Each structure stands twice: as structure tokens, then as C-alpha cells.
Amino acid sequence: MGDSIEWRGLIPNREPWLWIDDVVGLTDSTINAQKHLPPDLPIFEGHYPGFPLLPGVVLCEACLEASAILIANLGVSTTGKVPVATGMNNVRFRRMVRPGDSLDIEVKLSDRIQDAFFLRGTVRVDGLVCASLDFVTTAASPPVSDE
């Protein structure tokens, strides 16, 4: 699916803070995405030297980015707005993620109340759960610039 839709325009993130390489499945309630973590990824230089690990917050971010694509796919207009997290619960980190790993990201929409979306994210490496979380997102207006 990755090249069949131009999903990059559906989220505000860009390199170097883009934690999805490809969308491999997309329905009205679920998205499956992937991210390969090259061994020379700069984030590994400082977290941690000699024992590089991907920070757990990045696993959460990958789920948030996937959710933005899922929500945009529903036809929800976010013109002029950016997706933001408004809550996270039941965040669990189960396995370390290391350089060279490939993330399989799955996000499921469980409920929607107006423009609040309730979701469940799971990140796996080699079929094993590395992180899971329940979270809520909405679209927020960016601050008005003085420029």
C-alpha cells in the first residue's frame, strides 16, 4: 500500500522526526505501518552510547503518526489543524528495540466522540510486542504566528 496513497501529506511530521516508512494496511478502523531502524540512526548515538536503545517515547510517537493517517483516511477534515495526543494510558514497554530492528505498528480505532479519537497502539519487532498503549487524539489549531 505504501506508494498507492500519498500518506506523508496526511501528517505534519517530516524527517528527522518521521517514524513510519510505509503503510501496509489501512481500513476504517485499523492501520498497519512499518519503520526500519538503520543501525546508524542518529538517535542511537546518545541513547545509549555502547548499548543503543530506541527510546520508548519514539514507539508511542510511531503509533501517534499512524493514528493521524488512519483518522485522515476516514475523511475527517484537519485542514489548518495538527493532530495532537490528549491522553495516554496503560503504556507498557515489554522489549528493547535496537538498531537494525524493523517496527510493525498497528493502531486500532476503538471509539470516537466528535473530534476525539480513542485508539489502541501496538508495536512489534519480529512478531513480539515491544510496546502497547491506549491513547486519545484530536486536531488542534496551531498558534498564530507573528510573522
C-alpha atoms as a PDB file:
ATOM      1  CA  MET A   1       0.000   0.000   0.000  1.00  0.00           C
ATOM      2  CA  GLY A   2       2.883   2.384   0.787  1.00  0.00           C
ATOM      3  CA  ASP A   3       3.055   4.006  -2.625  1.00  0.00           C
ATOM      4  CA  SER A   4      -0.647   3.620  -3.506  1.00  0.00           C
ATOM      5  CA  ILE A   5      -1.627   6.586  -1.320  1.00  0.00           C
ATOM      6  CA  GLU A   6       0.421   9.636  -0.528  1.00  0.00           C
ATOM      7  CA  TRP A   7       0.140   9.297   3.249  1.00  0.00           C
ATOM      8  CA  ARG A   8       3.067  11.611   4.043  1.00  0.00           C
ATOM      9  CA  GLY A   9       0.874  14.619   3.347  1.00  0.00           C
ATOM     10  CA  LEU A  10      -1.643  13.420   5.935  1.00  0.00           C
ATOM     11  CA  ILE A  11       0.676  14.067   8.899  1.00  0.00           C
ATOM     12  CA  PRO A  12       2.709  17.141   9.804  1.00  0.00           C
ATOM     13  CA  ASN A  13       5.868  15.171  10.662  1.00  0.00           C
ATOM     14  CA  ARG A  14       8.925  15.238   8.437  1.00  0.00           C
ATOM     15  CA  GLU A  15      12.456  13.864   8.687  1.00  0.00           C
ATOM     16  CA  PRO A  16      14.225  13.598  11.007  1.00  0.00           C
ATOM     17  CA  TRP A  17      11.080  13.059  13.120  1.00  0.00           C
ATOM     18  CA  LEU A  18       9.154  10.651  10.916  1.00  0.00           C
ATOM     19  CA  TRP A  19       8.679   7.195  12.434  1.00  0.00           C
ATOM     20  CA  ILE A  20       6.794   5.497   9.598  1.00  0.00           C
ATOM     21  CA  ASP A  21       8.366   4.255   6.363  1.00  0.00           C
ATOM     22  CA  ASP A  22       5.389   2.503   4.825  1.00  0.00           C
ATOM     23  CA  VAL A  23       1.667   1.918   5.290  1.00  0.00           C
ATOM     24  CA  VAL A  24       0.990  -1.765   4.614  1.00  0.00           C
ATOM     25  CA  GLY A  25      -2.690  -1.965   5.589  1.00  0.00           C
ATOM     26  CA  LEU A  26      -5.470   0.548   6.097  1.00  0.00           C
ATOM     27  CA  THR A  27      -9.179   0.136   6.870  1.00  0.00           C
ATOM     28  CA  ASP A  28     -11.749   2.392   8.531  1.00  0.00           C
ATOM     29  CA  SER A  29     -10.691   1.123  11.953  1.00  0.00           C
ATOM     30  CA  THR A  30      -7.110  -0.173  11.676  1.00  0.00           C
ATOM     31  CA  ILE A  31      -3.768   0.852  10.231  1.00  0.00           C
ATOM     32  CA  ASN A  32      -0.653  -1.260   9.894  1.00  0.00           C
ATOM     33  CA  ALA A  33       2.609   0.528   9.231  1.00  0.00           C
ATOM     34  CA  GLN A  34       6.321  -0.234   9.283  1.00  0.00           C
ATOM     35  CA  LYS A  35       9.548   1.510  10.175  1.00  0.00           C
ATOM     36  CA  HIS A  36      13.061   0.143   9.686  1.00  0.00           C
ATOM     37  CA  LEU A  37      15.658   1.445  12.152  1.00  0.00           C
ATOM     38  CA  PRO A  38      19.037   1.724  10.416  1.00  0.00           C
ATOM     39  CA  PRO A  39      21.978   0.990  12.725  1.00  0.00           C
ATOM     40  CA  ASP A  40      23.427   4.454  12.016  1.00  0.00           C
ATOM     41  CA  LEU A  41      20.244   6.325  13.032  1.00  0.00           C
ATOM     42  CA  PRO A  42      21.485   9.419  14.969  1.00  0.00           C
ATOM     43  CA  ILE A  43      19.119   8.835  17.910  1.00  0.00           C
ATOM     44  CA  PHE A  44      21.155   5.733  18.825  1.00  0.00           C
ATOM     45  CA  GLU A  45      24.336   7.792  19.284  1.00  0.00           C
ATOM     46  CA  GLY A  46      23.118   9.286  22.535  1.00  0.00           C
ATOM     47  CA  HIS A  47      20.587   6.692  23.748  1.00  0.00           C
ATOM     48  CA  TYR A  48      22.751   4.980  24.992  1.00  0.00           C
ATOM     49  CA  PRO A  49      26.408   5.004  23.898  1.00  0.00           C
ATOM     50  CA  GLY A  50      27.694   1.439  23.988  1.00  0.00           C
ATOM     51  CA  PHE A  51      24.169  -0.012  24.388  1.00  0.00           C
ATOM     52  CA  PRO A  52      21.896   1.714  21.855  1.00  0.00           C
ATOM     53  CA  LEU A  53      18.153   1.526  22.528  1.00  0.00           C
ATOM     54  CA  LEU A  54      15.239   3.261  20.853  1.00  0.00           C
ATOM     55  CA  PRO A  55      13.506   5.465  23.446  1.00  0.00           C
ATOM     56  CA  GLY A  56      10.020   4.289  24.375  1.00  0.00           C
ATOM     57  CA  VAL A  57       8.583   7.686  23.569  1.00  0.00           C
ATOM     58  CA  VAL A  58       9.507   7.069  19.924  1.00  0.00           C
ATOM     59  CA  LEU A  59       7.431   3.879  19.915  1.00  0.00           C
ATOM     60  CA  CYS A  60       4.498   5.957  21.191  1.00  0.00           C
ATOM     61  CA  GLU A  61       5.177   8.584  18.522  1.00  0.00           C
ATOM     62  CA  ALA A  62       5.082   5.940  15.781  1.00  0.00           C
ATOM     63  CA  CYS A  63       1.595   4.969  16.964  1.00  0.00           C
ATOM     64  CA  LEU A  64       0.511   8.615  17.050  1.00  0.00           C
ATOM     65  CA  GLU A  65       1.728   9.189  13.491  1.00  0.00           C
ATOM     66  CA  ALA A  66      -0.091   6.060  12.317  1.00  0.00           C
ATOM     67  CA  SER A  67      -3.279   7.250  14.031  1.00  0.00           C
ATOM     68  CA  ALA A  68      -3.110  10.567  12.168  1.00  0.00           C
ATOM     69  CA  ILE A  69      -3.071   8.689   8.854  1.00  0.00           C
ATOM     70  CA  LEU A  70      -5.950   6.457   9.988  1.00  0.00           C
ATOM     71  CA  ILE A  71      -8.063   9.436  11.041  1.00  0.00           C
ATOM     72  CA  ALA A  72      -7.330  11.359   7.841  1.00  0.00           C
ATOM     73  CA  ASN A  73      -8.322   8.253   5.859  1.00  0.00           C
ATOM     74  CA  LEU A  74     -11.777   8.475   7.491  1.00  0.00           C
ATOM     75  CA  GLY A  75     -12.273  11.789   5.714  1.00  0.00           C
ATOM     76  CA  VAL A  76     -12.041  13.837   8.894  1.00  0.00           C
ATOM     77  CA  SER A  77     -11.036  17.326   7.850  1.00  0.00           C
ATOM     78  CA  THR A  78      -7.968  18.546   9.667  1.00  0.00           C
ATOM     79  CA  THR A  79      -7.288  21.420   7.292  1.00  0.00           C
ATOM     80  CA  GLY A  80      -5.328  24.041   9.162  1.00  0.00           C
ATOM     81  CA  LYS A  81      -5.030  21.796  12.220  1.00  0.00           C
ATOM     82  CA  VAL A  82      -2.491  19.318  13.518  1.00  0.00           C
ATOM     83  CA  PRO A  83      -3.158  16.004  15.268  1.00  0.00           C
ATOM     84  CA  VAL A  84      -2.158  16.003  18.931  1.00  0.00           C
ATOM     85  CA  ALA A  85      -2.290  13.484  21.755  1.00  0.00           C
ATOM     86  CA  THR A  86      -4.582  14.459  24.597  1.00  0.00           C
ATOM     87  CA  GLY A  87      -4.046  11.410  26.762  1.00  0.00           C
ATOM     88  CA  MET A  88      -2.167   8.123  27.118  1.00  0.00           C
ATOM     89  CA  ASN A  89      -2.993   5.231  29.427  1.00  0.00           C
ATOM     90  CA  ASN A  90      -1.807   1.699  30.004  1.00  0.00           C
ATOM     91  CA  VAL A  91       1.556   2.387  28.348  1.00  0.00           C
ATOM     92  CA  ARG A  92       3.708  -0.723  28.552  1.00  0.00           C
ATOM     93  CA  PHE A  93       7.222  -1.339  27.266  1.00  0.00           C
ATOM     94  CA  ARG A  94       7.868  -5.070  27.030  1.00  0.00           C
ATOM     95  CA  ARG A  95      11.030  -5.489  24.949  1.00  0.00           C
ATOM     96  CA  MET A  96      14.006  -3.379  23.985  1.00  0.00           C
ATOM     97  CA  VAL A  97      14.203  -2.061  20.431  1.00  0.00           C
ATOM     98  CA  ARG A  98      17.707  -1.999  18.974  1.00  0.00           C
ATOM     99  CA  PRO A  99      19.500  -0.698  15.870  1.00  0.00           C
ATOM    100  CA  GLY A 100      18.596  -2.696  12.765  1.00  0.00           C
ATOM    101  CA  ASP A 101      15.156  -3.716  14.072  1.00  0.00           C
ATOM    102  CA  SER A 102      12.022  -3.193  11.997  1.00  0.00           C
ATOM    103  CA  LEU A 103       8.877  -1.968  13.719  1.00  0.00           C
ATOM    104  CA  ASP A 104       5.444  -3.320  12.870  1.00  0.00           C
ATOM    105  CA  ILE A 105       2.978  -0.684  14.056  1.00  0.00           C
ATOM    106  CA  GLU A 106      -0.715  -1.401  14.477  1.00  0.00           C
ATOM    107  CA  VAL A 107      -3.291   1.137  15.618  1.00  0.00           C
ATOM    108  CA  LYS A 108      -6.974   0.369  16.100  1.00  0.00           C
ATOM    109  CA  LEU A 109      -9.739   2.915  16.497  1.00  0.00           C
ATOM    110  CA  SER A 110     -11.949   1.859  19.400  1.00  0.00           C
ATOM    111  CA  ASP A 111     -14.267   4.869  19.753  1.00  0.00           C
ATOM    112  CA  ARG A 112     -14.929   8.370  18.517  1.00  0.00           C
ATOM    113  CA  ILE A 113     -16.709  11.169  20.331  1.00  0.00           C
ATOM    114  CA  GLN A 114     -16.965  14.160  17.985  1.00  0.00           C
ATOM    115  CA  ASP A 115     -13.338  15.034  17.185  1.00  0.00           C
ATOM    116  CA  ALA A 116     -11.805  12.915  19.956  1.00  0.00           C
ATOM    117  CA  PHE A 117     -10.476   9.557  18.781  1.00  0.00           C
ATOM    118  CA  PHE A 118      -9.818   6.714  21.224  1.00  0.00           C
ATOM    119  CA  LEU A 119      -7.178   4.295  19.981  1.00  0.00           C
ATOM    120  CA  ARG A 120      -5.045   1.289  20.906  1.00  0.00           C
ATOM    121  CA  GLY A 121      -1.499   1.022  19.574  1.00  0.00           C
ATOM    122  CA  THR A 122       0.836  -1.960  19.499  1.00  0.00           C
ATOM    123  CA  VAL A 123       4.418  -2.043  18.239  1.00  0.00           C
ATOM    124  CA  ARG A 124       6.063  -5.379  17.448  1.00  0.00           C
ATOM    125  CA  VAL A 125       9.520  -6.487  16.342  1.00  0.00           C
ATOM    126  CA  ASP A 126       9.761  -9.960  14.826  1.00  0.00           C
ATOM    127  CA  GLY A 127       6.203 -10.647  15.969  1.00  0.00           C
ATOM    128  CA  LEU A 128       6.954  -9.863  19.623  1.00  0.00           C
ATOM    129  CA  VAL A 129       5.200  -6.982  21.389  1.00  0.00           C
ATOM    130  CA  CYS A 130       7.630  -4.211  22.327  1.00  0.00           C
ATOM    131  CA  ALA A 131       5.128  -1.558  23.361  1.00  0.00           C
ATOM    132  CA  SER A 132       1.396  -1.074  23.754  1.00  0.00           C
ATOM    133  CA  LEU A 133      -0.711   1.911  24.717  1.00  0.00           C
ATOM    134  CA  ASP A 134      -4.216   3.315  24.809  1.00  0.00           C
ATOM    135  CA  PHE A 135      -4.385   6.921  23.662  1.00  0.00           C
ATOM    136  CA  VAL A 136      -6.658   9.751  22.613  1.00  0.00           C
ATOM    137  CA  THR A 137      -6.023  12.249  19.832  1.00  0.00           C
ATOM    138  CA  THR A 138      -7.753  15.300  18.467  1.00  0.00           C
ATOM    139  CA  ALA A 139      -6.936  18.045  15.975  1.00  0.00           C
ATOM    140  CA  ALA A 140      -5.702  21.352  17.358  1.00  0.00           C
ATOM    141  CA  SER A 141      -5.211  24.719  15.727  1.00  0.00           C
ATOM    142  CA  PRO A 142      -1.559  25.746  15.661  1.00  0.00           C
ATOM    143  CA  PRO A 143      -0.650  29.029  17.352  1.00  0.00           C
ATOM    144  CA  VAL A 144      -0.961  32.149  15.256  1.00  0.00           C
ATOM    145  CA  SER A 145       2.425  33.314  14.062  1.00  0.00           C
ATOM    146  CA  ASP A 146       3.528  36.946  14.489  1.00  0.00           C
ATOM    147  CA  GLU A 147       5.456  36.783  11.211  1.00  0.00           C
END
